[in-house]
Amino acid sequence: MQRRPTDLPMSGAVDLSRLAKPAATAPTSTSPHVIDVTEATFEDEVLRRSLQVPVLVDFWADWCGPCKQLSPVLERLADEAGGAWVLAKVDTETNQALSAQLQIQSIPSVFLALGGRLVPGFQGALPEAQLRAFLEQVLAAAEQAGLPGPSGGPAPAPPTPTDPDLVAAEDALGAGDYAAAVAAYDRLLAKSPADTEAQVGKAWASLLQRAAHLDPAATLAAAQAAPDDVAAQTAAADVEVLSENIQDAIDRLVGLVRRTTGDDRDRARLHLLELFSVLDPEDERVLRGRRALANALY
């Protein structure tokens, strides 16, 4: 059963005193309110920091689809809060001892550090409305505990969402209603066509909507049987991206671009560009894929 936001039972605090401390690695986040944490920095960046402000600890992994839904929302809410609470991100693949110590069996999994103590929070990609309700409880608990806040004063209340369509889109994603999420992102883009967050959100929701009813094995078999069928190949690429077979998806569509012409070639090209938009732009596979696509076109 997944945990959901509750009344923050501090009696469930976790003892991390026996955790080994390897050499520290440099954080990668540029936000002052979102930090990358390792086993070596956990005590300072999470437990000691939580004596001043609440710290939410997001356990994630690059291969985890729901993590890619939850993490951007948490990061945005942390920035909106302006230091009232801090988001600490822990990659479970590179911090396996910490994950084992906390007995994490599924991700995303979020813990709360408050007043130097660590307690379970919730699991899964919750809708934004539930996240905000959870954060209200967190800040209320911080106030009751007398935490001084980011600058010695009481922590401010979390702000209200800036656009209800963004909330609707993220709630729909969390509920698995991908058509509703696409529609909400379309409303956002109608108001702000250059909104990069909405563009990426729509691309991700569209990918999930396309693949929702696909059988992965059957889809890949159909693509193998029809190497020049654009619909079969793009569907297979969707399945591969969602299965974290990123390189296979890129190679598949670059090869399709090379073999096709006219409208078929353009459909393959546009589909690959859309898949690029939901992937990490700094991923070496994406960088190589963009170069390979340019070579295939010119």
Protein backbone atom coordinates (compact mmCIF):
# COMPACT_ATOMS: atom_id res chain seq x y z
CA MET A 1 0.00 0.00 0.00
CA GLN A 2 1.35 3.44 -0.85
CA ARG A 3 1.77 5.99 1.91
CA ARG A 4 -0.10 9.23 1.50
CA PRO A 5 0.30 12.57 3.32
CA THR A 6 -0.74 12.10 6.94
CA ASP A 7 -0.30 13.98 10.18
CA LEU A 8 3.49 13.55 10.09
CA PRO A 9 3.98 10.95 12.87
CA MET A 10 7.39 11.92 14.22
CA SER A 11 7.50 8.74 16.29
CA GLY A 12 8.52 6.95 13.08
CA ALA A 13 11.87 8.71 12.90
CA VAL A 14 14.66 6.74 11.24
CA ASP A 15 18.09 6.14 12.79
CA LEU A 16 20.87 6.79 10.26
CA SER A 17 23.76 6.72 12.70
CA ARG A 18 25.17 3.48 11.27
CA LEU A 19 25.31 4.68 7.69
CA ALA A 20 28.81 4.68 6.19
CA LYS A 21 30.03 7.99 4.79
CA PRO A 22 31.86 7.75 1.44
CA ALA A 23 33.63 10.65 -0.21
CA ALA A 24 31.37 13.57 -1.10
CA THR A 25 30.48 14.45 -4.67
CA ALA A 26 29.56 17.88 -5.98
CA PRO A 27 25.86 18.71 -6.29
CA THR A 28 24.43 19.30 -9.74
CA SER A 29 21.35 21.43 -9.04
CA THR A 30 21.59 25.19 -9.60
CA SER A 31 18.55 26.14 -7.50
CA PRO A 32 19.26 27.39 -3.96
CA HIS A 33 16.17 25.54 -2.75
CA VAL A 34 16.85 22.20 -4.51
CA ILE A 35 19.97 20.27 -3.57
CA ASP A 36 21.48 16.99 -4.72
CA VAL A 37 22.38 14.87 -1.69
CA THR A 38 24.62 11.83 -1.32
CA GLU A 39 25.28 9.41 1.51
CA ALA A 40 28.28 11.56 2.45
CA THR A 41 26.36 14.84 2.64
CA PHE A 42 23.05 13.53 4.00
CA GLU A 43 23.72 14.37 7.65
CA ASP A 44 24.75 17.98 6.98
CA GLU A 45 22.44 18.81 4.08
CA VAL A 46 19.33 17.08 5.40
CA LEU A 47 19.38 16.38 9.14
CA ARG A 48 21.30 19.45 10.31
CA ARG A 49 19.60 21.74 7.82
CA SER A 50 16.23 20.50 9.09
CA LEU A 51 16.99 22.21 12.42
CA GLN A 52 16.33 25.47 10.56
CA VAL A 53 13.75 24.58 7.89
CA PRO A 54 11.87 21.42 6.84
CA VAL A 55 13.66 19.29 4.25
CA LEU A 56 11.76 17.02 1.85
CA VAL A 57 13.92 14.16 0.60
CA ASP A 58 12.98 12.88 -2.85
CA PHE A 59 14.36 9.40 -3.59
CA TRP A 60 14.37 8.94 -7.37
CA ALA A 61 16.12 7.22 -10.27
CA ASP A 62 16.64 8.13 -13.89
CA TRP A 63 14.74 5.06 -15.13
CA CYS A 64 11.64 5.82 -13.01
CA GLY A 65 8.73 7.27 -15.02
CA PRO A 66 6.65 8.46 -12.02
CA CYS A 67 9.78 10.17 -10.64
CA LYS A 68 9.87 12.27 -13.82
CA GLN A 69 6.30 13.35 -13.08
CA LEU A 70 6.84 14.15 -9.40
CA SER A 71 10.31 15.72 -9.30
CA PRO A 72 9.61 18.76 -11.54
CA VAL A 73 6.52 19.62 -9.50
CA LEU A 74 8.43 19.37 -6.22
CA GLU A 75 11.26 21.48 -7.64
CA ARG A 76 8.84 24.18 -8.79
CA LEU A 77 7.04 24.23 -5.43
CA ALA A 78 10.37 24.48 -3.60
CA ASP A 79 11.35 27.49 -5.70
CA GLU A 80 7.93 29.07 -5.16
CA ALA A 81 8.30 28.65 -1.39
CA GLY A 82 11.46 30.74 -1.46
CA GLY A 83 13.33 28.82 1.22
CA ALA A 84 10.41 28.00 3.53
CA TRP A 85 11.41 24.39 2.92
CA VAL A 86 14.18 22.67 0.97
CA LEU A 87 14.02 19.79 -1.50
CA ALA A 88 16.86 17.28 -1.22
CA LYS A 89 17.15 14.83 -4.14
CA VAL A 90 18.76 11.41 -3.66
CA ASP A 91 19.56 9.20 -6.65
CA THR A 92 18.87 5.66 -5.43
CA GLU A 93 21.16 4.15 -8.08
CA THR A 94 24.25 5.91 -6.73
CA ASN A 95 23.24 5.91 -3.05
CA GLN A 96 22.16 2.32 -2.53
CA ALA A 97 23.35 2.07 1.07
CA LEU A 98 21.12 4.96 2.11
CA SER A 99 18.17 3.46 0.22
CA ALA A 100 18.74 0.13 1.95
CA GLN A 101 19.02 1.79 5.37
CA LEU A 102 15.62 3.44 4.84
CA GLN A 103 14.16 0.20 3.41
CA ILE A 104 12.96 1.95 0.27
CA GLN A 105 11.16 -0.60 -1.90
CA SER A 106 9.50 1.65 -4.48
CA ILE A 107 10.14 5.09 -5.93
CA PRO A 108 9.46 7.92 -5.99
CA SER A 109 9.55 7.88 -2.22
CA VAL A 110 9.55 11.10 -0.20
CA PHE A 111 10.73 11.49 3.39
CA LEU A 112 10.52 14.52 5.66
CA ALA A 113 13.35 15.79 7.86
CA LEU A 114 12.10 18.13 10.59
CA GLY A 115 14.01 19.26 13.64
CA GLY A 116 16.84 16.80 12.96
CA ARG A 117 14.53 13.78 12.65
CA LEU A 118 13.59 11.82 9.53
CA VAL A 119 10.13 10.34 8.99
CA PRO A 120 8.39 8.69 6.00
CA GLY A 121 6.25 11.05 3.95
CA PHE A 122 4.58 9.46 0.94
CA GLN A 123 5.19 7.32 -2.14
CA GLY A 124 4.16 7.83 -5.73
CA ALA A 125 3.55 10.85 -7.97
CA LEU A 126 0.83 12.72 -6.07
CA PRO A 127 -1.32 15.42 -7.70
CA GLU A 128 -0.21 18.97 -6.94
CA ALA A 129 -3.26 19.68 -4.77
CA GLN A 130 -2.28 16.83 -2.44
CA LEU A 131 1.34 17.97 -2.43
CA ARG A 132 0.28 21.46 -1.39
CA ALA A 133 -1.89 20.05 1.38
CA PHE A 134 1.07 17.98 2.59
CA LEU A 135 3.33 21.04 2.55
CA GLU A 136 0.81 23.01 4.57
CA GLN A 137 1.02 20.29 7.22
CA VAL A 138 4.82 20.38 7.06
CA LEU A 139 5.03 24.14 7.56
CA ALA A 140 2.46 24.02 10.34
CA ALA A 141 4.54 21.35 12.08
CA ALA A 142 7.68 23.46 11.60
CA GLU A 143 5.97 26.44 13.20
CA GLN A 144 4.74 24.35 16.12
CA ALA A 145 8.27 22.98 16.58
CA GLY A 146 9.64 26.53 16.68
CA LEU A 147 12.01 26.12 13.73
CA PRO A 148 13.59 29.52 13.01
CA GLY A 149 13.07 29.41 9.25
CA PRO A 150 15.51 30.31 6.44
CA SER A 151 16.46 33.73 7.86
CA GLY A 152 15.64 33.45 11.54
CA GLY A 153 11.94 34.24 11.12
CA PRO A 154 8.91 32.00 10.79
CA ALA A 155 8.57 30.09 7.55
CA PRO A 156 6.06 31.67 5.16
CA ALA A 157 2.99 29.80 3.97
CA PRO A 158 3.23 28.11 0.56
CA PRO A 159 1.92 30.34 -2.26
CA THR A 160 -1.17 29.57 -4.27
CA PRO A 161 -0.71 28.13 -7.77
CA THR A 162 -0.15 30.71 -10.47
CA ASP A 163 -2.25 29.03 -13.12
CA PRO A 164 -5.11 26.57 -12.53
CA ASP A 165 -4.49 24.91 -15.90
CA LEU A 166 -0.99 23.90 -14.78
CA VAL A 167 -2.45 22.39 -11.62
CA ALA A 168 -5.09 20.61 -13.72
CA ALA A 169 -2.45 19.24 -16.08
CA GLU A 170 -0.25 17.88 -13.31
CA ASP A 171 -3.20 16.47 -11.39
CA ALA A 172 -4.40 14.70 -14.54
CA LEU A 173 -0.92 13.24 -15.10
CA GLY A 174 -0.84 11.97 -11.55
CA ALA A 175 -4.26 10.37 -12.04
CA GLY A 176 -3.27 8.75 -15.33
CA ASP A 177 -5.78 10.83 -17.34
CA TYR A 178 -3.37 11.69 -20.12
CA ALA A 179 -5.99 13.11 -22.49
CA ALA A 180 -7.07 15.60 -19.84
CA ALA A 181 -3.43 16.49 -19.19
CA VAL A 182 -2.83 17.16 -22.90
CA ALA A 183 -5.96 19.34 -23.02
CA ALA A 184 -4.82 21.34 -19.99
CA TYR A 185 -1.36 21.88 -21.48
CA ASP A 186 -3.02 22.98 -24.73
CA ARG A 187 -4.92 25.64 -22.76
CA LEU A 188 -1.66 26.79 -21.21
CA LEU A 189 0.04 26.97 -24.60
CA ALA A 190 -2.89 28.89 -26.07
CA LYS A 191 -2.21 31.56 -23.46
CA SER A 192 1.60 31.33 -23.53
CA PRO A 193 2.90 29.62 -26.69
CA ALA A 194 6.54 30.00 -25.55
CA ASP A 195 5.97 28.31 -22.18
CA THR A 196 8.75 25.70 -22.21
CA GLU A 197 7.39 23.86 -19.17
CA ALA A 198 4.01 23.47 -20.86
CA GLN A 199 5.62 22.34 -24.11
CA VAL A 200 7.62 19.62 -22.35
CA GLY A 201 4.64 18.67 -20.20
CA LYS A 202 2.43 18.25 -23.23
CA ALA A 203 5.06 16.16 -25.02
CA TRP A 204 5.36 13.86 -21.97
CA ALA A 205 1.58 13.56 -21.55
CA SER A 206 1.19 12.85 -25.27
CA LEU A 207 3.82 10.13 -25.09
CA LEU A 208 2.05 8.48 -22.16
CA GLN A 209 -1.31 8.80 -23.92
CA ARG A 210 0.02 7.18 -27.12
CA ALA A 211 1.62 4.30 -25.26
CA ALA A 212 -1.08 3.69 -22.66
CA HIS A 213 -2.73 0.84 -24.57
CA LEU A 214 0.29 -0.54 -26.38
CA ASP A 215 1.55 -4.03 -25.68
CA PRO A 216 5.35 -3.56 -25.70
CA ALA A 217 6.24 -7.00 -27.09
CA ALA A 218 3.59 -6.88 -29.81
CA THR A 219 4.52 -3.30 -30.74
CA LEU A 220 8.20 -4.15 -31.14
CA ALA A 221 7.36 -7.29 -33.14
CA ALA A 222 5.14 -5.27 -35.49
CA ALA A 223 7.95 -2.76 -36.02
CA GLN A 224 10.42 -5.53 -36.80
CA ALA A 225 8.02 -6.92 -39.40
CA ALA A 226 7.48 -3.52 -41.08
CA PRO A 227 10.76 -1.56 -40.95
CA ASP A 228 9.50 1.24 -43.21
CA ASP A 229 6.05 1.66 -41.67
CA VAL A 230 6.17 5.04 -39.93
CA ALA A 231 3.30 4.34 -37.52
CA ALA A 232 4.82 1.01 -36.45
CA GLN A 233 8.29 2.49 -36.00
CA THR A 234 7.17 5.57 -34.03
CA ALA A 235 5.03 3.40 -31.74
CA ALA A 236 8.03 1.14 -31.12
CA ALA A 237 10.18 4.19 -30.34
CA ASP A 238 7.60 5.33 -27.78
CA VAL A 239 7.73 1.94 -26.10
CA GLU A 240 11.53 2.00 -26.06
CA VAL A 241 11.70 5.46 -24.50
CA LEU A 242 9.28 4.47 -21.75
CA SER A 243 11.32 1.30 -21.20
CA GLU A 244 14.49 3.45 -20.90
CA ASN A 245 15.90 1.95 -24.11
CA ILE A 246 16.74 5.47 -25.23
CA GLN A 247 19.51 4.63 -27.67
CA ASP A 248 17.37 2.02 -29.43
CA ALA A 249 14.56 4.53 -29.93
CA ILE A 250 16.91 7.18 -31.31
CA ASP A 251 18.67 4.75 -33.65
CA ARG A 252 15.31 3.44 -34.86
CA LEU A 253 13.97 6.86 -35.84
CA VAL A 254 17.25 8.20 -37.24
CA GLY A 255 17.39 5.10 -39.45
CA LEU A 256 13.77 5.68 -40.50
CA VAL A 257 14.59 9.27 -41.46
CA ARG A 258 17.46 7.99 -43.61
CA ARG A 259 15.25 5.44 -45.40
CA THR A 260 12.17 7.60 -46.05
CA THR A 261 11.27 10.70 -48.04
CA GLY A 262 8.54 13.32 -48.17
CA ASP A 263 5.77 13.22 -45.59
CA ASP A 264 6.96 9.94 -44.08
CA ARG A 265 10.39 11.39 -43.46
CA ASP A 266 8.91 14.51 -41.90
CA ARG A 267 6.65 12.48 -39.59
CA ALA A 268 9.64 10.45 -38.39
CA ARG A 269 11.73 13.60 -37.88
CA LEU A 270 9.03 15.43 -35.91
CA HIS A 271 8.36 12.37 -33.76
CA LEU A 272 12.03 12.09 -32.86
CA LEU A 273 12.20 15.80 -31.99
CA GLU A 274 9.19 15.37 -29.71
CA LEU A 275 10.88 12.45 -27.95
CA PHE A 276 14.04 14.54 -27.56
CA SER A 277 11.95 17.17 -25.74
CA VAL A 278 10.98 14.75 -22.94
CA LEU A 279 14.56 13.54 -22.41
CA ASP A 280 17.43 15.18 -20.57
CA PRO A 281 18.93 17.64 -23.08
CA GLU A 282 22.40 17.03 -21.61
CA ASP A 283 22.15 13.24 -21.97
CA GLU A 284 24.98 12.16 -24.26
CA ARG A 285 22.59 9.89 -26.16
CA VAL A 286 20.37 12.87 -26.95
CA LEU A 287 23.33 15.00 -28.02
CA ARG A 288 24.60 12.23 -30.30
CA GLY A 289 21.07 11.65 -31.57
CA ARG A 290 20.64 15.29 -32.58
CA ARG A 291 23.93 15.14 -34.49
CA ALA A 292 22.89 11.89 -36.15
CA LEU A 293 19.53 13.38 -37.15
CA ALA A 294 21.23 16.41 -38.68
CA ASN A 295 23.54 14.10 -40.66
CA ALA A 296 20.57 12.02 -41.83
CA LEU A 297 18.78 15.12 -43.07
CA TYR A 298 21.70 16.85 -44.74
